[in-house]
């Protein structure tokens, strides 16, 4: 950043030398990290080498797991198994493909995305978002923008590409500071990443990683995509309220009155366009279709004799409906999306649907490549017993320090938020940390579902201040339209209040919901792990 740019920064930022140094350190540390794919490949190699060293010294811990069907000895020992051996090399070579194809998040994410792609490429999600925001009253516009940002997370980059520029334009048209509108939308899209009213592609992605980590302690433990839905549902409204509060009470007053002379010339050419009559008609038909689809699905699960209830207990818990929730994500997005496309004229036949799905699958090349190396890392971690050994050591340390109660989640969420500053990908971060922390917190008595919910808070709240977040450069470019000399530090300083308020408010909601009210974080989700 040049000296001239530095002089033009906000007074608050000029007077915060420690803050500037902190941001510089975050950026420097983030730049030191390799690409996530390279990181996972390196970690996989590191696990092999580390297993050889620890195996040579016969490192072992007492087996904390209960007796299973095979009659495991509870007083036995768990040893680190070396992969630096003939047997280890054979297992690596023969398991390379099955590690990849058997990685739980891979198939579930791709199937869910197929349905979302139809709704996205038909234009339904974009139209719904514009209709929601542009029809909001002036009094409700801020909270509506934050809420729309949270809801946009069901469709990958839609919130970043459509909503954030739109929110800035709306605020400008209302005589408010456009950067405040941008900040509100950014807070919803990125800071509220884990909250939503509907299940999205992130839910099966994280639950698959959580289940694989839980298997280190309990090989038959099941973690479905729906296990955080209750908490994420209520979090949607809490985050929307907090985001609106920060925007109107902290961010907007700090920005002051907007000076149009600071804008770039492109600003004058921007126009807000609401849904056309045809798009509104299509949206109504898609909404009606969605209600019908949900009604049909309800008939399979609501009645006591519903065909998708648990055939053994008759309950919803453990039912085919919950186990097959990814299929219903696919259906509830794909069918209304196609209906919208037919009415709006953006989709005419099956070829258009196939093309939409193909485009989304084509964009997943980087993710699939990452999954290949992440799957090897997770598999090696499990084979070597390193995850279990680290979990036992860590759980023992927590108990020694007296940190085996609910308060441990404050440190866990804080740790996740700090890691997120340098490793922005939710799946990459969880794939690295879950094999350690899920077993560790299970051993002190907490269920994987609650651990995952806590992780999602930490992963979300620092997204808006992380230079390593994949869309941070895009947000910076959009903001520069309204303030030509705006730098990265100014944007992070603008978003920092959201991180602080979200961190305190979301953790408070987590403790009230889970530990004060004793409410489950999702359907059939336990709070405490009882082996």
Protein backbone atom coordinates (compact mmCIF):
# COMPACT_ATOMS: atom_id res chain seq x y z
CA UNK A 1 0.00 0.00 0.00
CA UNK A 2 1.46 3.41 -1.02
CA UNK A 3 2.08 6.32 1.35
CA UNK A 4 -0.60 8.34 -0.46
CA UNK A 5 -3.16 5.60 0.10
CA UNK A 6 -2.20 5.34 3.74
CA UNK A 7 -2.82 9.05 4.27
CA UNK A 8 -6.30 8.72 2.80
CA UNK A 9 -7.36 5.93 5.11
CA UNK A 10 -9.94 6.50 7.81
CA UNK A 11 -8.64 8.29 10.94
CA UNK A 12 -9.54 5.33 13.12
CA UNK A 13 -7.30 3.08 11.06
CA UNK A 14 -4.38 5.55 10.99
CA UNK A 15 -4.38 5.62 14.79
CA UNK A 16 -4.43 1.85 15.16
CA UNK A 17 -0.86 0.77 14.62
CA UNK A 18 -1.43 -2.55 16.36
CA UNK A 19 -4.41 -3.25 14.13
CA UNK A 20 -2.44 -2.58 10.96
CA UNK A 21 0.36 -4.82 12.19
CA UNK A 22 -2.17 -7.55 13.02
CA UNK A 23 -3.67 -7.40 9.52
CA UNK A 24 -0.20 -7.45 7.98
CA UNK A 25 0.69 -10.51 10.05
CA UNK A 26 -2.49 -12.32 8.99
CA UNK A 27 -1.80 -11.59 5.34
CA UNK A 28 1.84 -12.65 5.68
CA UNK A 29 0.92 -15.91 7.41
CA UNK A 30 -1.78 -16.62 4.87
CA UNK A 31 0.62 -16.08 2.00
CA UNK A 32 3.02 -18.57 3.56
CA UNK A 33 0.41 -21.31 3.31
CA UNK A 34 0.48 -23.39 0.14
CA UNK A 35 -2.59 -24.07 -1.97
CA UNK A 36 -5.07 -26.26 -0.01
CA UNK A 37 -4.45 -29.15 -2.41
CA UNK A 38 -0.70 -28.89 -1.87
CA UNK A 39 -1.36 -28.58 1.85
CA UNK A 40 -3.30 -31.85 2.00
CA UNK A 41 -0.74 -33.67 -0.14
CA UNK A 42 2.02 -32.45 2.18
CA UNK A 43 0.04 -33.39 5.29
CA UNK A 44 -0.55 -36.89 3.92
CA UNK A 45 3.19 -37.35 3.40
CA UNK A 46 3.85 -35.88 6.86
CA UNK A 47 1.44 -38.37 8.46
CA UNK A 48 3.29 -41.27 6.81
CA UNK A 49 6.67 -40.02 8.07
CA UNK A 50 5.36 -39.19 11.55
CA UNK A 51 3.75 -42.62 11.86
CA UNK A 52 7.10 -44.19 11.08
CA UNK A 53 8.87 -42.17 13.78
CA UNK A 54 6.23 -42.70 16.48
CA UNK A 55 5.80 -46.33 15.53
CA UNK A 56 9.52 -46.88 15.92
CA UNK A 57 9.31 -45.57 19.51
CA UNK A 58 6.17 -47.67 20.23
CA UNK A 59 4.00 -44.69 21.18
CA UNK A 60 0.66 -45.89 22.55
CA UNK A 61 -2.27 -44.83 24.76
CA UNK A 62 -4.89 -46.74 26.74
CA UNK A 63 -7.93 -47.61 24.61
CA UNK A 64 -10.81 -45.35 25.79
CA UNK A 65 -13.40 -46.90 23.50
CA UNK A 66 -16.17 -49.17 24.81
CA UNK A 67 -16.58 -52.85 24.07
CA UNK A 68 -17.92 -53.43 20.60
CA UNK A 69 -19.39 -56.40 18.77
CA UNK A 70 -15.91 -57.85 18.39
CA UNK A 71 -15.32 -57.70 22.15
CA UNK A 72 -12.62 -55.02 22.13
CA UNK A 73 -10.66 -55.05 25.38
CA UNK A 74 -11.36 -51.73 27.18
CA UNK A 75 -8.07 -52.10 29.05
CA UNK A 76 -6.08 -52.58 25.88
CA UNK A 77 -3.69 -50.17 24.23
CA UNK A 78 -3.87 -48.23 20.98
CA UNK A 79 -0.51 -48.09 19.24
CA UNK A 80 0.61 -45.82 16.45
CA UNK A 81 0.78 -47.98 13.33
CA UNK A 82 3.67 -47.17 11.03
CA UNK A 83 3.02 -46.76 7.32
CA UNK A 84 6.76 -46.73 6.70
CA UNK A 85 6.84 -50.46 6.11
CA UNK A 86 6.06 -53.02 3.47
CA UNK A 87 2.54 -53.48 4.86
CA UNK A 88 2.03 -49.74 5.05
CA UNK A 89 3.12 -49.22 1.44
CA UNK A 90 0.82 -52.02 0.30
CA UNK A 91 -2.13 -50.44 2.13
CA UNK A 92 -1.41 -47.01 0.66
CA UNK A 93 -1.18 -48.32 -2.90
CA UNK A 94 -4.26 -50.52 -2.72
CA UNK A 95 -6.35 -47.96 -0.84
CA UNK A 96 -5.59 -44.89 -2.93
CA UNK A 97 -8.68 -45.19 -5.13
CA UNK A 98 -11.12 -46.46 -2.50
CA UNK A 99 -10.06 -43.68 -0.12
CA UNK A 100 -11.18 -41.22 -2.77
CA UNK A 101 -14.38 -42.90 -3.95
CA UNK A 102 -15.41 -43.77 -0.40
CA UNK A 103 -14.91 -40.26 0.99
CA UNK A 104 -18.37 -39.50 2.38
CA UNK A 105 -18.70 -35.79 1.44
CA UNK A 106 -17.85 -36.34 -2.23
CA UNK A 107 -21.00 -38.04 -3.47
CA UNK A 108 -23.40 -36.22 -1.17
CA UNK A 109 -22.14 -32.78 -2.17
CA UNK A 110 -22.24 -33.57 -5.88
CA UNK A 111 -25.78 -34.96 -5.70
CA UNK A 112 -27.07 -31.97 -3.74
CA UNK A 113 -25.33 -29.59 -6.14
CA UNK A 114 -27.07 -31.18 -9.12
CA UNK A 115 -30.42 -30.01 -7.78
CA UNK A 116 -29.18 -26.57 -6.71
CA UNK A 117 -27.64 -26.06 -10.17
CA UNK A 118 -31.05 -26.32 -11.85
CA UNK A 119 -32.52 -23.68 -9.53
CA UNK A 120 -29.48 -21.47 -9.99
CA UNK A 121 -29.05 -21.66 -13.77
CA UNK A 122 -32.77 -21.28 -14.42
CA UNK A 123 -32.54 -17.89 -12.69
CA UNK A 124 -34.94 -18.81 -9.87
CA UNK A 125 -32.54 -18.11 -7.00
CA UNK A 126 -31.37 -14.81 -8.47
CA UNK A 127 -34.93 -13.63 -9.06
CA UNK A 128 -36.02 -14.68 -5.57
CA UNK A 129 -33.13 -12.76 -4.05
CA UNK A 130 -33.84 -9.58 -6.04
CA UNK A 131 -37.54 -9.80 -5.24
CA UNK A 132 -36.82 -10.19 -1.54
CA UNK A 133 -34.41 -7.27 -1.30
CA UNK A 134 -35.99 -4.77 -3.72
CA UNK A 135 -39.47 -5.22 -2.26
CA UNK A 136 -38.33 -4.61 1.31
CA UNK A 137 -39.54 -1.43 3.02
CA UNK A 138 -36.99 1.27 3.84
CA UNK A 139 -37.37 0.42 7.51
CA UNK A 140 -36.67 -3.29 6.95
CA UNK A 141 -34.15 -3.03 4.12
CA UNK A 142 -31.06 -3.60 6.30
CA UNK A 143 -32.26 -6.74 8.04
CA UNK A 144 -33.71 -8.01 4.74
CA UNK A 145 -30.35 -7.63 3.00
CA UNK A 146 -28.51 -9.51 5.77
CA UNK A 147 -31.19 -12.22 5.75
CA UNK A 148 -31.03 -12.53 1.96
CA UNK A 149 -27.26 -12.91 2.24
CA UNK A 150 -27.63 -15.78 4.68
CA UNK A 151 -30.22 -17.51 2.48
CA UNK A 152 -28.04 -17.09 -0.62
CA UNK A 153 -25.57 -19.62 0.77
CA UNK A 154 -27.64 -22.45 -0.72
CA UNK A 155 -26.33 -21.41 -4.14
CA UNK A 156 -22.54 -21.10 -4.07
CA UNK A 157 -21.35 -17.69 -5.33
CA UNK A 158 -24.78 -16.16 -5.97
CA UNK A 159 -24.69 -13.95 -2.89
CA UNK A 160 -21.23 -12.59 -3.71
CA UNK A 161 -21.92 -11.95 -7.39
CA UNK A 162 -25.54 -10.72 -7.21
CA UNK A 163 -26.54 -9.60 -3.73
CA UNK A 164 -23.50 -7.67 -2.53
CA UNK A 165 -23.36 -5.28 -5.53
CA UNK A 166 -27.15 -4.98 -5.39
CA UNK A 167 -27.14 -4.07 -1.68
CA UNK A 168 -24.60 -1.30 -2.26
CA UNK A 169 -26.77 0.13 -5.05
CA UNK A 170 -29.91 -0.03 -2.89
CA UNK A 171 -28.28 1.86 -0.03
CA UNK A 172 -26.96 4.46 -2.46
CA UNK A 173 -30.41 4.92 -4.00
CA UNK A 174 -31.86 5.47 -0.51
CA UNK A 175 -29.33 8.19 0.27
CA UNK A 176 -27.40 5.92 2.62
CA UNK A 177 -23.73 5.01 2.45
CA UNK A 178 -23.30 2.29 -0.22
CA UNK A 179 -20.42 0.70 1.68
CA UNK A 180 -22.80 0.13 4.59
CA UNK A 181 -25.10 -1.82 2.26
CA UNK A 182 -22.14 -3.77 0.93
CA UNK A 183 -21.00 -4.53 4.47
CA UNK A 184 -24.48 -5.70 5.51
CA UNK A 185 -24.74 -8.08 2.55
CA UNK A 186 -21.15 -9.31 3.00
CA UNK A 187 -21.88 -9.98 6.68
CA UNK A 188 -24.90 -12.10 5.76
CA UNK A 189 -23.32 -13.99 2.87
CA UNK A 190 -19.96 -14.70 4.49
CA UNK A 191 -20.27 -14.02 8.23
CA UNK A 192 -23.54 -15.96 8.36
CA UNK A 193 -22.21 -18.71 6.11
CA UNK A 194 -23.28 -21.59 8.35
CA UNK A 195 -26.80 -20.36 9.10
CA UNK A 196 -29.76 -21.07 6.82
CA UNK A 197 -33.42 -22.01 6.77
CA UNK A 198 -32.85 -24.85 4.32
CA UNK A 199 -30.20 -27.53 4.12
CA UNK A 200 -27.57 -26.76 1.50
CA UNK A 201 -24.47 -28.32 -0.01
CA UNK A 202 -22.31 -27.40 3.01
CA UNK A 203 -24.35 -29.63 5.34
CA UNK A 204 -23.49 -33.01 3.75
CA UNK A 205 -19.96 -31.77 3.15
CA UNK A 206 -19.25 -31.14 6.84
CA UNK A 207 -21.27 -34.06 8.21
CA UNK A 208 -19.32 -36.53 6.11
CA UNK A 209 -16.03 -35.26 7.52
CA UNK A 210 -17.46 -35.26 11.05
CA UNK A 211 -18.68 -38.86 10.72
CA UNK A 212 -15.28 -40.04 9.49
CA UNK A 213 -13.63 -38.34 12.48
CA UNK A 214 -16.17 -39.79 14.92
CA UNK A 215 -15.40 -43.29 13.66
CA UNK A 216 -12.00 -43.06 15.32
CA UNK A 217 -13.82 -43.41 18.64
CA UNK A 218 -17.07 -45.09 17.60
CA UNK A 219 -16.89 -47.01 14.29
CA UNK A 220 -20.69 -47.17 13.92
CA UNK A 221 -21.52 -43.54 14.75
CA UNK A 222 -23.67 -41.86 12.09
CA UNK A 223 -23.75 -38.12 11.38
CA UNK A 224 -26.36 -37.04 8.84
CA UNK A 225 -26.50 -33.75 6.88
CA UNK A 226 -29.49 -32.61 8.95
CA UNK A 227 -27.83 -32.82 12.40
CA UNK A 228 -27.33 -29.03 12.77
CA UNK A 229 -30.54 -27.86 11.10
CA UNK A 230 -32.44 -26.70 14.22
CA UNK A 231 -29.56 -24.58 15.44
CA UNK A 232 -28.74 -23.22 11.98
CA UNK A 233 -32.43 -22.36 11.46
CA UNK A 234 -32.67 -20.28 14.64
CA UNK A 235 -29.21 -18.83 13.96
CA UNK A 236 -30.51 -17.38 10.68
CA UNK A 237 -32.73 -14.90 12.50
CA UNK A 238 -30.19 -14.20 15.23
CA UNK A 239 -27.42 -13.43 12.73
CA UNK A 240 -29.79 -11.30 10.62
CA UNK A 241 -30.71 -9.26 13.68
CA UNK A 242 -27.11 -8.88 14.82
CA UNK A 243 -26.00 -7.93 11.30
CA UNK A 244 -28.68 -5.25 11.00
CA UNK A 245 -27.78 -3.88 14.45
CA UNK A 246 -24.06 -3.61 13.63
CA UNK A 247 -24.80 -1.99 10.27
CA UNK A 248 -27.14 0.71 11.60
CA UNK A 249 -25.57 1.38 15.00
CA UNK A 250 -21.84 0.93 14.35
CA UNK A 251 -20.79 0.68 10.70
CA UNK A 252 -23.03 3.29 9.06
CA UNK A 253 -22.41 6.02 11.68
CA UNK A 254 -18.68 5.35 11.42
CA UNK A 255 -18.74 5.70 7.63
CA UNK A 256 -20.61 9.01 7.88
CA UNK A 257 -22.27 10.81 5.00
CA UNK A 258 -21.34 9.45 1.60
CA UNK A 259 -19.50 11.74 -0.80
CA UNK A 260 -20.42 10.74 -4.41
CA UNK A 261 -17.21 12.33 -5.69
CA UNK A 262 -15.28 9.40 -4.18
CA UNK A 263 -17.01 6.93 -6.53
CA UNK A 264 -15.59 5.58 -9.75
CA UNK A 265 -17.23 6.58 -13.01
CA UNK A 266 -18.88 3.18 -13.45
CA UNK A 267 -21.19 3.95 -10.53
CA UNK A 268 -23.30 6.32 -12.58
CA UNK A 269 -24.06 3.62 -15.13
CA UNK A 270 -25.45 1.14 -12.62
CA UNK A 271 -29.17 0.52 -12.51
CA UNK A 272 -31.32 -1.56 -10.20
CA UNK A 273 -33.75 -3.84 -11.97
CA UNK A 274 -36.44 -5.78 -10.18
CA UNK A 275 -38.04 -8.98 -11.47
CA UNK A 276 -40.08 -8.62 -14.64
CA UNK A 277 -43.75 -9.62 -14.80
CA UNK A 278 -42.74 -12.91 -16.42
CA UNK A 279 -40.14 -13.59 -13.74
CA UNK A 280 -42.63 -12.84 -10.97
CA UNK A 281 -45.13 -15.25 -12.54
CA UNK A 282 -42.43 -17.90 -12.84
CA UNK A 283 -41.41 -17.35 -9.22
CA UNK A 284 -45.00 -17.80 -8.03
CA UNK A 285 -45.32 -21.05 -9.96
CA UNK A 286 -41.99 -22.27 -8.58
CA UNK A 287 -43.14 -21.40 -5.06
CA UNK A 288 -46.39 -23.31 -5.57
CA UNK A 289 -44.41 -26.27 -6.87
CA UNK A 290 -42.13 -26.14 -3.85
CA UNK A 291 -45.14 -26.24 -1.50
CA UNK A 292 -46.58 -29.23 -3.40
CA UNK A 293 -43.25 -31.10 -3.29
CA UNK A 294 -42.91 -30.43 0.45
CA UNK A 295 -46.50 -31.59 0.96
CA UNK A 296 -45.83 -34.87 -0.82
CA UNK A 297 -42.66 -35.41 1.20
CA UNK A 298 -44.56 -34.63 4.41
CA UNK A 299 -46.97 -37.48 3.67
CA UNK A 300 -44.04 -39.89 3.83
CA UNK A 301 -42.82 -38.78 7.24
CA UNK A 302 -45.53 -36.97 9.24
CA UNK A 303 -48.14 -39.77 9.57
CA UNK A 304 -47.29 -42.47 12.10
CA UNK A 305 -47.36 -45.05 9.29
CA UNK A 306 -45.31 -42.89 6.91
CA UNK A 307 -43.33 -45.04 4.49
CA UNK A 308 -40.07 -43.14 5.16
CA UNK A 309 -40.19 -43.39 8.96
CA UNK A 310 -37.84 -45.73 10.77
CA UNK A 311 -39.22 -49.21 9.87
CA UNK A 312 -38.13 -50.65 13.23
CA UNK A 313 -39.15 -47.93 15.70
CA UNK A 314 -41.63 -45.90 13.67
CA UNK A 315 -39.78 -42.74 14.72
CA UNK A 316 -38.30 -39.99 12.58
CA UNK A 317 -34.85 -40.48 14.16
CA UNK A 318 -32.77 -42.88 12.12
CA UNK A 319 -35.42 -42.96 9.39
CA UNK A 320 -34.77 -43.39 5.66
CA UNK A 321 -36.07 -39.83 5.28
CA UNK A 322 -33.20 -38.37 7.32
CA UNK A 323 -30.64 -40.77 5.88
CA UNK A 324 -31.73 -39.79 2.40
CA UNK A 325 -31.99 -36.06 3.05
CA UNK A 326 -29.51 -35.30 0.25
CA UNK A 327 -31.95 -36.77 -2.27
CA UNK A 328 -34.65 -34.43 -0.98
CA UNK A 329 -32.32 -31.43 -1.24
CA UNK A 330 -31.90 -32.43 -4.88
CA UNK A 331 -35.65 -32.74 -5.46
CA UNK A 332 -36.75 -29.57 -3.68
CA UNK A 333 -34.33 -27.45 -5.71
CA UNK A 334 -34.45 -29.21 -9.07
CA UNK A 335 -38.23 -29.49 -9.60
CA UNK A 336 -39.17 -25.89 -8.64
CA UNK A 337 -36.09 -24.69 -10.53
CA UNK A 338 -37.23 -26.41 -13.72
CA UNK A 339 -40.79 -25.11 -13.31
CA UNK A 340 -39.41 -21.60 -12.94
CA UNK A 341 -37.25 -22.06 -16.03
CA UNK A 342 -40.20 -23.30 -18.13
CA UNK A 343 -42.44 -20.38 -17.16
CA UNK A 344 -39.67 -17.77 -17.41
CA UNK A 345 -38.42 -19.19 -20.70
CA UNK A 346 -34.89 -19.90 -19.48
CA UNK A 347 -35.36 -23.68 -19.66
CA UNK A 348 -37.34 -25.39 -22.38
CA UNK A 349 -36.51 -29.08 -22.20
CA UNK A 350 -34.37 -31.76 -20.62
CA UNK A 351 -31.29 -30.60 -22.52
CA UNK A 352 -31.32 -27.28 -20.66
CA UNK A 353 -31.54 -29.12 -17.34
CA UNK A 354 -28.65 -31.38 -18.30
CA UNK A 355 -26.58 -28.41 -19.44
CA UNK A 356 -27.20 -26.65 -16.11
CA UNK A 357 -26.08 -29.71 -14.19
CA UNK A 358 -23.05 -30.17 -16.44
CA UNK A 359 -21.93 -26.57 -15.93
CA UNK A 360 -22.05 -26.98 -12.16
CA UNK A 361 -20.20 -30.28 -12.30
CA UNK A 362 -17.60 -28.65 -14.54
CA UNK A 363 -16.99 -25.98 -11.93
CA UNK A 364 -16.32 -28.65 -9.29
CA UNK A 365 -13.02 -29.79 -10.78
CA UNK A 366 -10.95 -27.99 -8.14
CA UNK A 367 -13.11 -29.38 -5.33
CA UNK A 368 -12.84 -32.96 -6.64
CA UNK A 369 -9.08 -32.62 -6.89
CA UNK A 370 -8.93 -31.30 -3.32
CA UNK A 371 -11.11 -34.18 -2.11
CA UNK A 372 -8.71 -36.73 -3.58
CA UNK A 373 -5.81 -35.49 -1.43
CA UNK A 374 -8.00 -34.70 1.59
CA UNK A 375 -9.35 -38.27 1.48
CA UNK A 376 -5.81 -39.68 1.59
CA UNK A 377 -4.92 -37.47 4.57
CA UNK A 378 -8.05 -38.53 6.50
CA UNK A 379 -7.51 -42.21 5.67
CA UNK A 380 -3.84 -42.15 6.69
CA UNK A 381 -4.78 -40.39 9.92
CA UNK A 382 -7.24 -43.16 10.70
CA UNK A 383 -5.01 -46.07 9.66
CA UNK A 384 -2.10 -44.91 11.78
CA UNK A 385 -4.26 -44.30 14.90
CA UNK A 386 -2.66 -40.86 15.18
CA UNK A 387 -6.06 -39.21 15.49
CA UNK A 388 -7.08 -41.42 18.39
CA UNK A 389 -3.73 -41.03 20.14
CA UNK A 390 -3.81 -37.24 19.82
CA UNK A 391 -7.45 -37.19 20.94
CA UNK A 392 -6.69 -39.21 24.08
CA UNK A 393 -3.68 -37.04 24.92
CA UNK A 394 -5.67 -33.86 24.30
CA UNK A 395 -8.70 -35.05 26.28
CA UNK A 396 -6.46 -35.97 29.21
CA UNK A 397 -4.88 -32.52 29.10
CA UNK A 398 -8.30 -30.80 29.04
CA UNK A 399 -9.47 -32.84 32.02
CA UNK A 400 -6.25 -32.06 33.89
CA UNK A 401 -6.79 -28.36 33.27
CA UNK A 402 -10.44 -28.64 34.30
CA UNK A 403 -11.67 -27.71 30.81
CA UNK A 404 -14.03 -30.63 30.33
CA UNK A 405 -17.28 -28.67 30.64
CA UNK A 406 -19.24 -26.54 28.14
CA UNK A 407 -16.72 -23.71 28.55
CA UNK A 408 -14.29 -25.66 26.38
CA UNK A 409 -16.34 -24.64 23.35
CA UNK A 410 -15.35 -20.99 23.76
CA UNK A 411 -11.71 -21.92 23.22
CA UNK A 412 -12.64 -24.33 20.43
CA UNK A 413 -14.70 -21.74 18.54
CA UNK A 414 -11.98 -19.12 19.02
CA UNK A 415 -9.37 -21.55 17.69
CA UNK A 416 -11.52 -22.32 14.63
CA UNK A 417 -11.97 -18.61 13.96
CA UNK A 418 -8.24 -17.95 14.14
CA UNK A 419 -7.40 -20.89 11.86
CA UNK A 420 -10.01 -19.59 9.41
CA UNK A 421 -8.04 -16.36 9.00
CA UNK A 422 -5.35 -18.26 7.12
CA UNK A 423 -7.21 -21.32 5.80
CA UNK A 424 -10.45 -19.95 4.38
CA UNK A 425 -12.02 -23.09 2.92
CA UNK A 426 -14.60 -24.57 5.31
CA UNK A 427 -14.10 -28.10 4.02
CA UNK A 428 -10.30 -27.86 3.98
CA UNK A 429 -10.18 -26.48 7.52
CA UNK A 430 -12.60 -29.06 8.92
CA UNK A 431 -10.86 -31.93 7.14
CA UNK A 432 -7.65 -30.94 8.94
CA UNK A 433 -9.07 -30.18 12.39
CA UNK A 434 -11.98 -32.65 12.72
CA UNK A 435 -9.81 -35.81 13.01
CA UNK A 436 -8.20 -34.25 16.09
CA UNK A 437 -10.93 -32.29 17.83
CA UNK A 438 -14.00 -34.45 17.20
CA UNK A 439 -12.49 -37.52 18.94
CA UNK A 440 -10.94 -35.31 21.63
CA UNK A 441 -14.21 -33.62 22.57
CA UNK A 442 -16.08 -36.91 22.28
CA UNK A 443 -13.77 -38.36 24.91
CA UNK A 444 -14.72 -35.63 27.37
CA UNK A 445 -18.39 -36.33 26.74
CA UNK A 446 -19.72 -34.20 23.86
CA UNK A 447 -21.51 -35.51 20.77
CA UNK A 448 -20.09 -34.96 17.26
CA UNK A 449 -23.23 -33.03 16.22
CA UNK A 450 -22.64 -30.36 18.88
CA UNK A 451 -18.92 -30.21 18.08
CA UNK A 452 -19.72 -29.62 14.41
CA UNK A 453 -22.22 -26.87 15.27
CA UNK A 454 -19.57 -25.11 17.35
CA UNK A 455 -17.06 -25.43 14.52
CA UNK A 456 -19.49 -23.79 12.11
CA UNK A 457 -19.70 -20.72 14.32
CA UNK A 458 -15.92 -20.30 14.40
CA UNK A 459 -15.63 -20.95 10.68
CA UNK A 460 -18.22 -18.28 9.84
CA UNK A 461 -17.52 -15.30 12.09
CA UNK A 462 -14.02 -14.50 10.78
CA UNK A 463 -14.81 -15.00 7.08
CA UNK A 464 -15.48 -11.28 6.66
CA UNK A 465 -12.03 -10.22 7.94
CA UNK A 466 -9.96 -12.98 6.34
CA UNK A 467 -7.81 -11.85 3.39
CA UNK A 468 -7.57 -15.54 2.47
CA UNK A 469 -11.33 -15.83 1.87
CA UNK A 470 -11.70 -16.71 -1.82
CA UNK A 471 -14.09 -13.85 -2.63
CA UNK A 472 -12.30 -11.18 -0.60
CA UNK A 473 -10.69 -9.70 -3.71
CA UNK A 474 -14.07 -9.51 -5.43
CA UNK A 475 -15.60 -7.65 -2.47
CA UNK A 476 -12.66 -5.25 -2.46
CA UNK A 477 -13.19 -4.55 -6.17
CA UNK A 478 -16.91 -3.87 -5.65
CA UNK A 479 -16.19 -1.56 -2.71
CA UNK A 480 -13.65 0.36 -4.81
CA UNK A 481 -16.47 1.46 -7.12
CA UNK A 482 -17.76 3.65 -4.30
CA UNK A 483 -14.42 4.66 -2.78
CA UNK A 484 -11.62 4.73 -5.32
CA UNK A 485 -8.72 4.67 -2.87
CA UNK A 486 -10.18 2.01 -0.57
CA UNK A 487 -7.59 -0.52 0.63
CA UNK A 488 -7.82 -3.97 2.17
CA UNK A 489 -7.21 -2.64 5.68
CA UNK A 490 -10.16 -0.25 5.40
CA UNK A 491 -12.48 -3.04 4.30
CA UNK A 492 -11.35 -5.34 7.13
CA UNK A 493 -11.71 -2.51 9.67
CA UNK A 494 -15.26 -1.95 8.39
CA UNK A 495 -16.14 -5.63 8.79
CA UNK A 496 -14.40 -6.24 12.14
CA UNK A 497 -17.41 -5.12 14.25
CA UNK A 498 -19.49 -7.86 12.62
CA UNK A 499 -16.91 -10.48 13.61
CA UNK A 500 -16.83 -9.31 17.23
CA UNK A 501 -20.61 -9.07 17.64
CA UNK A 502 -21.25 -12.35 15.79
CA UNK A 503 -18.64 -14.10 17.92
CA UNK A 504 -20.16 -12.99 21.23
CA UNK A 505 -23.80 -13.21 20.13
CA UNK A 506 -23.57 -16.55 18.35
CA UNK A 507 -21.69 -18.21 21.21
CA UNK A 508 -24.30 -16.85 23.63
CA UNK A 509 -27.07 -18.32 21.47
CA UNK A 510 -25.17 -21.62 21.32
CA UNK A 511 -24.91 -21.86 25.11
CA UNK A 512 -28.52 -20.84 25.68
CA UNK A 513 -29.88 -23.22 23.04
CA UNK A 514 -27.72 -26.25 23.84
CA UNK A 515 -26.84 -26.05 27.53
CA UNK A 516 -29.45 -23.76 29.13
CA UNK A 517 -32.56 -24.92 27.25
CA UNK A 518 -31.15 -28.38 26.49
CA UNK A 519 -32.37 -28.22 22.89
CA UNK A 520 -30.86 -30.49 20.23
CA UNK A 521 -28.88 -28.85 17.43
CA UNK A 522 -30.71 -30.95 14.85
CA UNK A 523 -33.18 -33.81 14.32
CA UNK A 524 -32.10 -36.77 16.42
CA UNK A 525 -28.86 -35.01 17.43
CA UNK A 526 -27.46 -35.71 20.87
CA UNK A 527 -25.71 -33.14 23.02
CA UNK A 528 -23.58 -35.56 24.99
CA UNK A 529 -21.79 -38.64 23.74
CA UNK A 530 -22.83 -41.79 25.56
CA UNK A 531 -20.85 -44.80 24.32
